[in-house]
PDB file of all heavy atoms in Angstrom:
ATOM      1  N   PHE A   1      -5.511   6.771  21.044  1.00  0.00           N
ATOM      2  CA  PHE A   1      -5.021   5.988  19.902  1.00  0.00           C
ATOM      3  C   PHE A   1      -4.954   4.500  20.206  1.00  0.00           C
ATOM      4  O   PHE A   1      -4.751   4.116  21.353  1.00  0.00           O
ATOM      5  CB  PHE A   1      -3.567   6.401  19.560  1.00  0.00           C
ATOM      6  CG  PHE A   1      -3.348   7.852  19.349  1.00  0.00           C
ATOM      7  CD1 PHE A   1      -2.779   8.638  20.341  1.00  0.00           C
ATOM      8  CD2 PHE A   1      -3.679   8.453  18.145  1.00  0.00           C
ATOM      9  CE1 PHE A   1      -2.553   9.998  20.151  1.00  0.00           C
ATOM     10  CE2 PHE A   1      -3.455   9.815  17.943  1.00  0.00           C
ATOM     11  CZ  PHE A   1      -2.896  10.586  18.944  1.00  0.00           C
ATOM     12  N   ASP A   2      -5.061   3.681  19.150  1.00  0.00           N
ATOM     13  CA  ASP A   2      -4.588   2.309  19.219  1.00  0.00           C
ATOM     14  C   ASP A   2      -3.083   2.399  18.960  1.00  0.00           C
ATOM     15  O   ASP A   2      -2.642   3.143  18.066  1.00  0.00           O
ATOM     16  CB  ASP A   2      -5.249   1.432  18.163  1.00  0.00           C
ATOM     17  CG  ASP A   2      -6.728   1.203  18.432  1.00  0.00           C
ATOM     18  OD1 ASP A   2      -7.167   1.349  19.592  1.00  0.00           O
ATOM     19  OD2 ASP A   2      -7.453   0.879  17.466  1.00  0.00           O
ATOM     20  N   LEU A   3      -2.298   1.666  19.723  1.00  0.00           N
ATOM     21  CA  LEU A   3      -0.845   1.819  19.720  1.00  0.00           C
ATOM     22  C   LEU A   3      -0.157   0.641  19.039  1.00  0.00           C
ATOM     23  O   LEU A   3      -0.404  -0.518  19.398  1.00  0.00           O
ATOM     24  CB  LEU A   3      -0.339   1.945  21.158  1.00  0.00           C
ATOM     25  CG  LEU A   3      -1.007   3.045  21.985  1.00  0.00           C
ATOM     26  CD1 LEU A   3      -0.601   2.943  23.446  1.00  0.00           C
ATOM     27  CD2 LEU A   3      -0.673   4.410  21.422  1.00  0.00           C
ATOM     28  N   HIS A   4       0.709   0.944  18.084  1.00  0.00           N
ATOM     29  CA  HIS A   4       1.396  -0.079  17.302  1.00  0.00           C
ATOM     30  C   HIS A   4       2.901   0.143  17.370  1.00  0.00           C
ATOM     31  O   HIS A   4       3.371   1.279  17.281  1.00  0.00           O
ATOM     32  CB  HIS A   4       0.932  -0.042  15.849  1.00  0.00           C
ATOM     33  CG  HIS A   4      -0.544  -0.192  15.712  1.00  0.00           C
ATOM     34  ND1 HIS A   4      -1.155  -1.421  15.654  1.00  0.00           N
ATOM     35  CD2 HIS A   4      -1.535   0.726  15.670  1.00  0.00           C
ATOM     36  CE1 HIS A   4      -2.467  -1.242  15.555  1.00  0.00           C
ATOM     37  NE2 HIS A   4      -2.716   0.054  15.565  1.00  0.00           N
ATOM     38  N   PHE A   5       3.635  -0.946  17.479  1.00  0.00           N
ATOM     39  CA  PHE A   5       5.086  -0.921  17.666  1.00  0.00           C
ATOM     40  C   PHE A   5       5.757  -1.708  16.550  1.00  0.00           C
ATOM     41  O   PHE A   5       5.398  -2.857  16.296  1.00  0.00           O
ATOM     42  CB  PHE A   5       5.418  -1.558  19.020  1.00  0.00           C
ATOM     43  CG  PHE A   5       6.868  -1.601  19.358  1.00  0.00           C
ATOM     44  CD1 PHE A   5       7.447  -0.594  20.107  1.00  0.00           C
ATOM     45  CD2 PHE A   5       7.666  -2.668  18.953  1.00  0.00           C
ATOM     46  CE1 PHE A   5       8.794  -0.631  20.441  1.00  0.00           C
ATOM     47  CE2 PHE A   5       9.011  -2.715  19.281  1.00  0.00           C
ATOM     48  CZ  PHE A   5       9.575  -1.691  20.034  1.00  0.00           C
ATOM     49  N   LEU A   6       6.727  -1.077  15.890  1.00  0.00           N
ATOM     50  CA  LEU A   6       7.498  -1.757  14.860  1.00  0.00           C
ATOM     51  C   LEU A   6       8.967  -1.743  15.235  1.00  0.00           C
ATOM     52  O   LEU A   6       9.566  -0.674  15.396  1.00  0.00           O
ATOM     53  CB  LEU A   6       7.327  -1.065  13.506  1.00  0.00           C
ATOM     54  CG  LEU A   6       8.194  -1.625  12.380  1.00  0.00           C
ATOM     55  CD1 LEU A   6       7.759  -3.040  11.997  1.00  0.00           C
ATOM     56  CD2 LEU A   6       8.182  -0.725  11.167  1.00  0.00           C
ATOM     57  N   ASP A   7       9.536  -2.931  15.399  1.00  0.00           N
ATOM     58  CA  ASP A   7      10.981  -3.082  15.557  1.00  0.00           C
ATOM     59  C   ASP A   7      11.541  -3.011  14.148  1.00  0.00           C
ATOM     60  O   ASP A   7      11.508  -3.983  13.394  1.00  0.00           O
ATOM     61  CB  ASP A   7      11.299  -4.415  16.228  1.00  0.00           C
ATOM     62  CG  ASP A   7      12.785  -4.706  16.343  1.00  0.00           C
ATOM     63  OD1 ASP A   7      13.601  -4.069  15.621  1.00  0.00           O
ATOM     64  OD2 ASP A   7      13.152  -5.583  17.141  1.00  0.00           O
ATOM     65  N   LEU A   8      12.043  -1.840  13.779  1.00  0.00           N
ATOM     66  CA  LEU A   8      12.403  -1.661  12.378  1.00  0.00           C
ATOM     67  C   LEU A   8      13.667  -2.412  11.978  1.00  0.00           C
ATOM     68  O   LEU A   8      13.854  -2.701  10.799  1.00  0.00           O
ATOM     69  CB  LEU A   8      12.479  -0.186  12.003  1.00  0.00           C
ATOM     70  CG  LEU A   8      13.579   0.666  12.576  1.00  0.00           C
ATOM     71  CD1 LEU A   8      14.788   0.646  11.680  1.00  0.00           C
ATOM     72  CD2 LEU A   8      13.063   2.067  12.701  1.00  0.00           C
ATOM     73  N   LEU A   9      14.503  -2.787  12.929  1.00  0.00           N
ATOM     74  CA  LEU A   9      15.673  -3.595  12.562  1.00  0.00           C
ATOM     75  C   LEU A   9      15.257  -5.019  12.204  1.00  0.00           C
ATOM     76  O   LEU A   9      15.821  -5.626  11.296  1.00  0.00           O
ATOM     77  CB  LEU A   9      16.702  -3.592  13.684  1.00  0.00           C
ATOM     78  CG  LEU A   9      17.330  -2.234  13.984  1.00  0.00           C
ATOM     79  CD1 LEU A   9      18.323  -2.350  15.132  1.00  0.00           C
ATOM     80  CD2 LEU A   9      17.993  -1.649  12.760  1.00  0.00           C
ATOM     81  N   ALA A  10      14.269  -5.536  12.900  1.00  0.00           N
ATOM     82  CA  ALA A  10      13.776  -6.888  12.624  1.00  0.00           C
ATOM     83  C   ALA A  10      12.843  -6.921  11.419  1.00  0.00           C
ATOM     84  O   ALA A  10      12.672  -7.974  10.796  1.00  0.00           O
ATOM     85  CB  ALA A  10      13.058  -7.451  13.859  1.00  0.00           C
ATOM     86  N   HIS A  11      12.239  -5.765  11.100  1.00  0.00           N
ATOM     87  CA  HIS A  11      11.218  -5.722  10.049  1.00  0.00           C
ATOM     88  C   HIS A  11      11.427  -4.519   9.127  1.00  0.00           C
ATOM     89  O   HIS A  11      10.504  -3.737   8.891  1.00  0.00           O
ATOM     90  CB  HIS A  11       9.818  -5.678  10.676  1.00  0.00           C
ATOM     91  CG  HIS A  11       9.527  -6.818  11.580  1.00  0.00           C
ATOM     92  ND1 HIS A  11       9.278  -8.093  11.109  1.00  0.00           N
ATOM     93  CD2 HIS A  11       9.475  -6.899  12.927  1.00  0.00           C
ATOM     94  CE1 HIS A  11       9.071  -8.908  12.144  1.00  0.00           C
ATOM     95  NE2 HIS A  11       9.186  -8.205  13.257  1.00  0.00           N
ATOM     96  N   ARG A  12      12.630  -4.367   8.614  1.00  0.00           N
ATOM     97  CA  ARG A  12      12.940  -3.211   7.776  1.00  0.00           C
ATOM     98  C   ARG A  12      12.029  -3.098   6.552  1.00  0.00           C
ATOM     99  O   ARG A  12      11.593  -1.993   6.205  1.00  0.00           O
ATOM    100  CB  ARG A  12      14.416  -3.252   7.354  1.00  0.00           C
ATOM    101  CG  ARG A  12      14.850  -2.058   6.523  1.00  0.00           C
ATOM    102  CD  ARG A  12      14.635  -0.768   7.315  1.00  0.00           C
ATOM    103  NE  ARG A  12      14.798   0.390   6.477  1.00  0.00           N
ATOM    104  CZ  ARG A  12      15.569   1.400   6.767  1.00  0.00           C
ATOM    105  NH1 ARG A  12      16.261   1.418   7.878  1.00  0.00           N
ATOM    106  NH2 ARG A  12      15.638   2.421   5.959  1.00  0.00           N
ATOM    107  N   PRO A  13      11.677  -4.194   5.855  1.00  0.00           N
ATOM    108  CA  PRO A  13      10.759  -4.059   4.721  1.00  0.00           C
ATOM    109  C   PRO A  13       9.401  -3.461   5.133  1.00  0.00           C
ATOM    110  O   PRO A  13       8.809  -2.700   4.369  1.00  0.00           O
ATOM    111  CB  PRO A  13      10.605  -5.492   4.190  1.00  0.00           C
ATOM    112  CG  PRO A  13      11.875  -6.170   4.600  1.00  0.00           C
ATOM    113  CD  PRO A  13      12.206  -5.583   5.945  1.00  0.00           C
ATOM    114  N   LEU A  14       8.925  -3.791   6.328  1.00  0.00           N
ATOM    115  CA  LEU A  14       7.657  -3.203   6.798  1.00  0.00           C
ATOM    116  C   LEU A  14       7.811  -1.712   7.084  1.00  0.00           C
ATOM    117  O   LEU A  14       6.887  -0.936   6.841  1.00  0.00           O
ATOM    118  CB  LEU A  14       7.162  -3.922   8.058  1.00  0.00           C
ATOM    119  CG  LEU A  14       6.587  -5.310   7.835  1.00  0.00           C
ATOM    120  CD1 LEU A  14       6.273  -5.968   9.175  1.00  0.00           C
ATOM    121  CD2 LEU A  14       5.346  -5.248   6.973  1.00  0.00           C
ATOM    122  N   SER A  15       8.968  -1.323   7.582  1.00  0.00           N
ATOM    123  CA  SER A  15       9.226   0.100   7.793  1.00  0.00           C
ATOM    124  C   SER A  15       9.161   0.843   6.464  1.00  0.00           C
ATOM    125  O   SER A  15       8.554   1.913   6.366  1.00  0.00           O
ATOM    126  CB  SER A  15      10.589   0.290   8.457  1.00  0.00           C
ATOM    127  OG  SER A  15      10.842   1.662   8.647  1.00  0.00           O
ATOM    128  N   ASN A  16       9.759   0.272   5.438  1.00  0.00           N
ATOM    129  CA  ASN A  16       9.707   0.874   4.106  1.00  0.00           C
ATOM    130  C   ASN A  16       8.281   0.900   3.570  1.00  0.00           C
ATOM    131  O   ASN A  16       7.867   1.886   2.941  1.00  0.00           O
ATOM    132  CB  ASN A  16      10.625   0.122   3.149  1.00  0.00           C
ATOM    133  CG  ASN A  16      12.082   0.251   3.517  1.00  0.00           C
ATOM    134  OD1 ASN A  16      12.489   1.194   4.198  1.00  0.00           O
ATOM    135  ND2 ASN A  16      12.886  -0.707   3.088  1.00  0.00           N
ATOM    136  N   GLN A  17       7.532  -0.170   3.814  1.00  0.00           N
ATOM    137  CA  GLN A  17       6.141  -0.227   3.365  1.00  0.00           C
ATOM    138  C   GLN A  17       5.323   0.869   4.038  1.00  0.00           C
ATOM    139  O   GLN A  17       4.515   1.541   3.387  1.00  0.00           O
ATOM    140  CB  GLN A  17       5.517  -1.594   3.680  1.00  0.00           C
ATOM    141  CG  GLN A  17       4.048  -1.671   3.303  1.00  0.00           C
ATOM    142  CD  GLN A  17       3.359  -2.947   3.769  1.00  0.00           C
ATOM    143  OE1 GLN A  17       4.005  -3.938   4.085  1.00  0.00           O
ATOM    144  NE2 GLN A  17       2.044  -2.911   3.805  1.00  0.00           N
ATOM    145  N   ILE A  18       5.506   1.052   5.341  1.00  0.00           N
ATOM    146  CA  ILE A  18       4.774   2.087   6.075  1.00  0.00           C
ATOM    147  C   ILE A  18       5.110   3.467   5.512  1.00  0.00           C
ATOM    148  O   ILE A  18       4.209   4.289   5.286  1.00  0.00           O
ATOM    149  CB  ILE A  18       5.072   1.990   7.586  1.00  0.00           C
ATOM    150  CG1 ILE A  18       4.388   0.739   8.158  1.00  0.00           C
ATOM    151  CG2 ILE A  18       4.629   3.256   8.324  1.00  0.00           C
ATOM    152  CD1 ILE A  18       4.853   0.364   9.556  1.00  0.00           C
ATOM    153  N   ALA A  19       6.385   3.721   5.256  1.00  0.00           N
ATOM    154  CA  ALA A  19       6.783   5.005   4.678  1.00  0.00           C
ATOM    155  C   ALA A  19       6.080   5.230   3.339  1.00  0.00           C
ATOM    156  O   ALA A  19       5.553   6.312   3.081  1.00  0.00           O
ATOM    157  CB  ALA A  19       8.302   5.064   4.524  1.00  0.00           C
ATOM    158  N   ALA A  20       6.052   4.206   2.501  1.00  0.00           N
ATOM    159  CA  ALA A  20       5.415   4.322   1.185  1.00  0.00           C
ATOM    160  C   ALA A  20       3.894   4.427   1.301  1.00  0.00           C
ATOM    161  O   ALA A  20       3.278   5.299   0.672  1.00  0.00           O
ATOM    162  CB  ALA A  20       5.797   3.128   0.312  1.00  0.00           C
ATOM    163  N   ASP A  21       3.286   3.549   2.099  1.00  0.00           N
ATOM    164  CA  ASP A  21       1.822   3.525   2.219  1.00  0.00           C
ATOM    165  C   ASP A  21       1.261   4.833   2.756  1.00  0.00           C
ATOM    166  O   ASP A  21       0.175   5.255   2.367  1.00  0.00           O
ATOM    167  CB  ASP A  21       1.359   2.394   3.140  1.00  0.00           C
ATOM    168  CG  ASP A  21       1.453   1.021   2.513  1.00  0.00           C
ATOM    169  OD1 ASP A  21       1.856   0.915   1.330  1.00  0.00           O
ATOM    170  OD2 ASP A  21       1.140   0.035   3.205  1.00  0.00           O
ATOM    171  N   PHE A  22       2.003   5.471   3.662  1.00  0.00           N
ATOM    172  CA  PHE A  22       1.482   6.671   4.311  1.00  0.00           C
ATOM    173  C   PHE A  22       2.208   7.943   3.870  1.00  0.00           C
ATOM    174  O   PHE A  22       2.022   9.011   4.452  1.00  0.00           O
ATOM    175  CB  PHE A  22       1.513   6.497   5.832  1.00  0.00           C
ATOM    176  CG  PHE A  22       0.671   5.340   6.282  1.00  0.00           C
ATOM    177  CD1 PHE A  22       1.254   4.214   6.836  1.00  0.00           C
ATOM    178  CD2 PHE A  22      -0.705   5.342   6.115  1.00  0.00           C
ATOM    179  CE1 PHE A  22       0.489   3.125   7.245  1.00  0.00           C
ATOM    180  CE2 PHE A  22      -1.486   4.260   6.497  1.00  0.00           C
ATOM    181  CZ  PHE A  22      -0.883   3.156   7.070  1.00  0.00           C
ATOM    182  N   SER A  23       3.028   7.827   2.824  1.00  0.00           N
ATOM    183  CA  SER A  23       3.712   8.981   2.220  1.00  0.00           C
ATOM    184  C   SER A  23       4.470   9.826   3.234  1.00  0.00           C
ATOM    185  O   SER A  23       4.319  11.048   3.302  1.00  0.00           O
ATOM    186  CB  SER A  23       2.704   9.853   1.457  1.00  0.00           C
ATOM    187  OG  SER A  23       2.075   9.112   0.438  1.00  0.00           O
ATOM    188  N   VAL A  24       5.277   9.154   4.045  1.00  0.00           N
ATOM    189  CA  VAL A  24       6.132   9.847   5.007  1.00  0.00           C
ATOM    190  C   VAL A  24       7.575   9.436   4.738  1.00  0.00           C
ATOM    191  O   VAL A  24       7.846   8.324   4.291  1.00  0.00           O
ATOM    192  CB  VAL A  24       5.756   9.541   6.480  1.00  0.00           C
ATOM    193  CG1 VAL A  24       4.355  10.044   6.803  1.00  0.00           C
ATOM    194  CG2 VAL A  24       5.865   8.064   6.788  1.00  0.00           C
ATOM    195  N   VAL A  25       8.470  10.340   4.995  1.00  0.00           N
ATOM    196  CA  VAL A  25       9.888  10.038   4.872  1.00  0.00           C
ATOM    197  C   VAL A  25      10.293   9.188   6.062  1.00  0.00           C
ATOM    198  O   VAL A  25       9.951   9.515   7.210  1.00  0.00           O
ATOM    199  CB  VAL A  25      10.712  11.339   4.814  1.00  0.00           C
ATOM    200  CG1 VAL A  25      12.204  11.048   4.809  1.00  0.00           C
ATOM    201  CG2 VAL A  25      10.319  12.154   3.596  1.00  0.00           C
ATOM    202  N   HIS A  26      11.006   8.107   5.818  1.00  0.00           N
ATOM    203  CA  HIS A  26      11.455   7.227   6.900  1.00  0.00           C
ATOM    204  C   HIS A  26      12.370   7.977   7.862  1.00  0.00           C
ATOM    205  O   HIS A  26      13.251   8.729   7.446  1.00  0.00           O
ATOM    206  CB  HIS A  26      12.198   6.014   6.342  1.00  0.00           C
ATOM    207  CG  HIS A  26      12.984   5.286   7.383  1.00  0.00           C
ATOM    208  ND1 HIS A  26      12.385   4.435   8.274  1.00  0.00           N
ATOM    209  CD2 HIS A  26      14.292   5.327   7.703  1.00  0.00           C
ATOM    210  CE1 HIS A  26      13.322   3.957   9.100  1.00  0.00           C
ATOM    211  NE2 HIS A  26      14.487   4.487   8.771  1.00  0.00           N
ATOM    212  N   ALA A  27      12.137   7.759   9.143  1.00  0.00           N
ATOM    213  CA  ALA A  27      13.036   8.253  10.187  1.00  0.00           C
ATOM    214  C   ALA A  27      13.041   7.216  11.300  1.00  0.00           C
ATOM    215  O   ALA A  27      12.183   6.343  11.368  1.00  0.00           O
ATOM    216  CB  ALA A  27      12.570   9.597  10.718  1.00  0.00           C
ATOM    217  N   SER A  28      14.022   7.322  12.168  1.00  0.00           N
ATOM    218  CA  SER A  28      14.113   6.412  13.307  1.00  0.00           C
ATOM    219  C   SER A  28      14.774   7.145  14.468  1.00  0.00           C
ATOM    220  O   SER A  28      15.879   7.671  14.294  1.00  0.00           O
ATOM    221  CB  SER A  28      14.933   5.193  12.921  1.00  0.00           C
ATOM    222  OG  SER A  28      15.241   4.423  14.063  1.00  0.00           O
ATOM    223  N   PRO A  29      14.081   7.183  15.598  1.00  0.00           N
ATOM    224  CA  PRO A  29      12.725   6.712  15.851  1.00  0.00           C
ATOM    225  C   PRO A  29      11.715   7.627  15.170  1.00  0.00           C
ATOM    226  O   PRO A  29      12.027   8.761  14.812  1.00  0.00           O
ATOM    227  CB  PRO A  29      12.607   6.799  17.363  1.00  0.00           C
ATOM    228  CG  PRO A  29      13.501   7.941  17.739  1.00  0.00           C
ATOM    229  CD  PRO A  29      14.653   7.871  16.769  1.00  0.00           C
ATOM    230  N   GLN A  30      10.502   7.097  15.039  1.00  0.00           N
ATOM    231  CA  GLN A  30       9.452   7.860  14.371  1.00  0.00           C
ATOM    232  C   GLN A  30       8.086   7.467  14.914  1.00  0.00           C
ATOM    233  O   GLN A  30       7.832   6.294  15.186  1.00  0.00           O
ATOM    234  CB  GLN A  30       9.496   7.596  12.868  1.00  0.00           C
ATOM    235  CG  GLN A  30       8.540   8.414  12.044  1.00  0.00           C
ATOM    236  CD  GLN A  30       8.758   8.197  10.558  1.00  0.00           C
ATOM    237  OE1 GLN A  30       9.080   7.082  10.118  1.00  0.00           O
ATOM    238  NE2 GLN A  30       8.605   9.242   9.773  1.00  0.00           N
ATOM    239  N   VAL A  31       7.235   8.477  15.056  1.00  0.00           N
ATOM    240  CA  VAL A  31       5.835   8.270  15.389  1.00  0.00           C
ATOM    241  C   VAL A  31       5.014   8.747  14.203  1.00  0.00           C
ATOM    242  O   VAL A  31       5.274   9.820  13.657  1.00  0.00           O
ATOM    243  CB  VAL A  31       5.428   9.059  16.654  1.00  0.00           C
ATOM    244  CG1 VAL A  31       3.922   9.090  16.825  1.00  0.00           C
ATOM    245  CG2 VAL A  31       6.078   8.464  17.887  1.00  0.00           C
ATOM    246  N   ILE A  32       4.048   7.930  13.813  1.00  0.00           N
ATOM    247  CA  ILE A  32       3.129   8.284  12.729  1.00  0.00           C
ATOM    248  C   ILE A  32       1.714   8.069  13.243  1.00  0.00           C
ATOM    249  O   ILE A  32       1.403   7.011  13.784  1.00  0.00           O
ATOM    250  CB  ILE A  32       3.361   7.408  11.482  1.00  0.00           C
ATOM    251  CG1 ILE A  32       4.807   7.520  10.998  1.00  0.00           C
ATOM    252  CG2 ILE A  32       2.379   7.786  10.363  1.00  0.00           C
ATOM    253  CD1 ILE A  32       5.211   6.443  10.001  1.00  0.00           C
ATOM    254  N   VAL A  33       0.864   9.078  13.082  1.00  0.00           N
ATOM    255  CA  VAL A  33      -0.546   8.937  13.413  1.00  0.00           C
ATOM    256  C   VAL A  33      -1.303   8.747  12.102  1.00  0.00           C
ATOM    257  O   VAL A  33      -1.105   9.506  11.146  1.00  0.00           O
ATOM    258  CB  VAL A  33      -1.083  10.165  14.180  1.00  0.00           C
ATOM    259  CG1 VAL A  33      -2.591  10.081  14.361  1.00  0.00           C
ATOM    260  CG2 VAL A  33      -0.383  10.276  15.539  1.00  0.00           C
ATOM    261  N   VAL A  34      -2.158   7.731  12.062  1.00  0.00           N
ATOM    262  CA  VAL A  34      -2.935   7.399  10.874  1.00  0.00           C
ATOM    263  C   VAL A  34      -4.413   7.562  11.197  1.00  0.00           C
ATOM    264  O   VAL A  34      -4.906   6.981  12.171  1.00  0.00           O
ATOM    265  CB  VAL A  34      -2.641   5.952  10.399  1.00  0.00           C
ATOM    266  CG1 VAL A  34      -3.468   5.611   9.165  1.00  0.00           C
ATOM    267  CG2 VAL A  34      -1.155   5.757  10.142  1.00  0.00           C
ATOM    268  N   GLU A  35      -5.080   8.366  10.378  1.00  0.00           N
ATOM    269  CA  GLU A  35      -6.526   8.558  10.516  1.00  0.00           C
ATOM    270  C   GLU A  35      -7.147   8.466   9.126  1.00  0.00           C
ATOM    271  O   GLU A  35      -6.613   9.030   8.168  1.00  0.00           O
ATOM    272  CB  GLU A  35      -6.834   9.923  11.132  1.00  0.00           C
ATOM    273  CG  GLU A  35      -6.283  10.061  12.550  1.00  0.00           C
ATOM    274  CD  GLU A  35      -6.552  11.428  13.150  1.00  0.00           C
ATOM    275  OE1 GLU A  35      -7.610  11.589  13.769  1.00  0.00           O
ATOM    276  OE2 GLU A  35      -5.691  12.313  12.959  1.00  0.00           O
TER     277      GLU A  35
END
């Protein structure tokens, strides 16, 4: 994989965007694989 790190406390709107864009329920910590 290419590895991506999101500090969700610093970037909470991006965490919400990722949940919406990839149709996953937000969790923390969370790993999401995108293909």
